[in-house]
């Protein structure tokens, strides 16, 4: 049985979009998670203003700080609100991202 050419092309396009979509989602994950941080801490975690630079800090430090903000045991009105939006896994991903900068 021969499939119409548009069915073959459509199946290939869907398959490729699924594969490339997954690769894009995986590679963009850290960058997307870090977007809210850039406004205060700088694009790559290197603040040019009065906010602390977070680039190059240890994974443990960044992870603990964010989890403490989220729990409310570390004070910071803006940071407490932002940190509440992240899961433990996302915080750990952010910590790895910024420690590598």
Protein backbone atom coordinates (compact mmCIF):
# COMPACT_ATOMS: atom_id res chain seq x y z
CA UNK A 1 0.00 0.00 0.00
CA UNK A 2 1.35 3.38 -0.96
CA UNK A 3 0.83 6.29 1.39
CA UNK A 4 0.05 9.67 -0.10
CA UNK A 5 3.17 11.86 -0.13
CA UNK A 6 1.59 14.46 2.19
CA UNK A 7 1.05 11.76 4.85
CA UNK A 8 4.72 10.79 4.73
CA UNK A 9 5.84 14.44 4.86
CA UNK A 10 3.43 15.20 7.71
CA UNK A 11 4.59 12.20 9.74
CA UNK A 12 8.22 13.23 9.25
CA UNK A 13 7.53 16.84 10.20
CA UNK A 14 5.67 15.82 13.36
CA UNK A 15 8.45 13.44 14.37
CA UNK A 16 11.16 16.03 13.81
CA UNK A 17 9.27 18.71 15.71
CA UNK A 18 8.88 16.37 18.66
CA UNK A 19 12.58 15.51 18.66
CA UNK A 20 13.78 19.10 18.18
CA UNK A 21 11.19 20.42 20.64
CA UNK A 22 12.50 18.13 23.37
CA UNK A 23 16.09 19.11 22.69
CA UNK A 24 15.16 22.79 22.80
CA UNK A 25 13.20 22.38 26.02
CA UNK A 26 16.09 20.57 27.70
CA UNK A 27 18.75 23.05 26.60
CA UNK A 28 16.65 26.11 27.42
CA UNK A 29 15.53 24.94 30.84
CA UNK A 30 18.22 26.67 32.92
CA UNK A 31 18.11 29.85 30.87
CA UNK A 32 14.34 30.06 31.14
CA UNK A 33 14.42 29.43 34.88
CA UNK A 34 17.03 32.19 35.28
CA UNK A 35 15.08 34.86 33.37
CA UNK A 36 13.42 36.36 36.49
CA UNK A 37 16.85 36.64 38.16
CA UNK A 38 18.42 38.74 35.40
CA UNK A 39 16.56 41.94 36.24
CA UNK A 40 18.31 42.32 39.59
CA UNK A 41 21.32 40.00 39.47
CA UNK A 42 22.40 40.67 35.88
CA UNK A 43 22.11 38.61 32.74
CA UNK A 44 24.75 36.08 33.78
CA UNK A 45 24.44 36.59 37.53
CA UNK A 46 27.01 39.41 37.50
CA UNK A 47 25.19 42.36 39.01
CA UNK A 48 26.20 45.86 38.00
CA UNK A 49 24.08 47.52 40.67
CA UNK A 50 23.37 47.21 44.35
CA UNK A 51 22.23 43.60 44.18
CA UNK A 52 24.64 40.79 44.95
CA UNK A 53 26.32 38.96 42.10
CA UNK A 54 25.47 35.27 42.20
CA UNK A 55 27.67 34.01 39.36
CA UNK A 56 30.30 31.56 40.53
CA UNK A 57 28.82 31.03 43.99
CA UNK A 58 28.74 27.41 45.09
CA UNK A 59 25.82 25.17 44.20
CA UNK A 60 25.27 24.54 47.89
CA UNK A 61 25.16 28.26 48.76
CA UNK A 62 22.73 29.20 45.97
CA UNK A 63 20.47 26.22 46.59
CA UNK A 64 20.33 26.80 50.34
CA UNK A 65 19.72 30.53 49.94
CA UNK A 66 16.82 30.00 47.54
CA UNK A 67 15.27 27.27 49.69
CA UNK A 68 15.64 29.47 52.78
CA UNK A 69 13.96 32.38 50.96
CA UNK A 70 11.16 30.05 49.92
CA UNK A 71 10.70 28.78 53.49
CA UNK A 72 10.77 32.32 54.89
CA UNK A 73 13.80 31.68 57.11
CA UNK A 74 15.86 34.09 55.00
CA UNK A 75 14.26 37.51 54.65
CA UNK A 76 13.86 39.30 51.36
CA UNK A 77 10.40 40.36 50.21
CA UNK A 78 11.04 39.99 46.48
CA UNK A 79 13.21 36.89 46.79
CA UNK A 80 10.69 35.15 49.03
CA UNK A 81 7.95 35.67 46.44
CA UNK A 82 10.15 34.55 43.55
CA UNK A 83 11.55 31.49 45.34
CA UNK A 84 8.06 30.23 46.17
CA UNK A 85 7.54 29.68 42.46
CA UNK A 86 10.36 27.14 42.17
CA UNK A 87 10.44 23.45 43.00
CA UNK A 88 13.45 21.85 44.70
CA UNK A 89 14.58 20.45 41.34
CA UNK A 90 14.31 23.87 39.68
CA UNK A 91 16.25 25.51 42.52
CA UNK A 92 18.98 22.90 42.16
CA UNK A 93 19.05 23.53 38.40
CA UNK A 94 19.40 27.29 38.98
CA UNK A 95 22.17 26.70 41.50
CA UNK A 96 24.13 24.62 38.97
CA UNK A 97 23.52 27.20 36.26
CA UNK A 98 24.78 30.17 38.26
CA UNK A 99 27.66 28.35 39.92
CA UNK A 100 28.98 27.59 36.45
CA UNK A 101 29.02 31.24 35.38
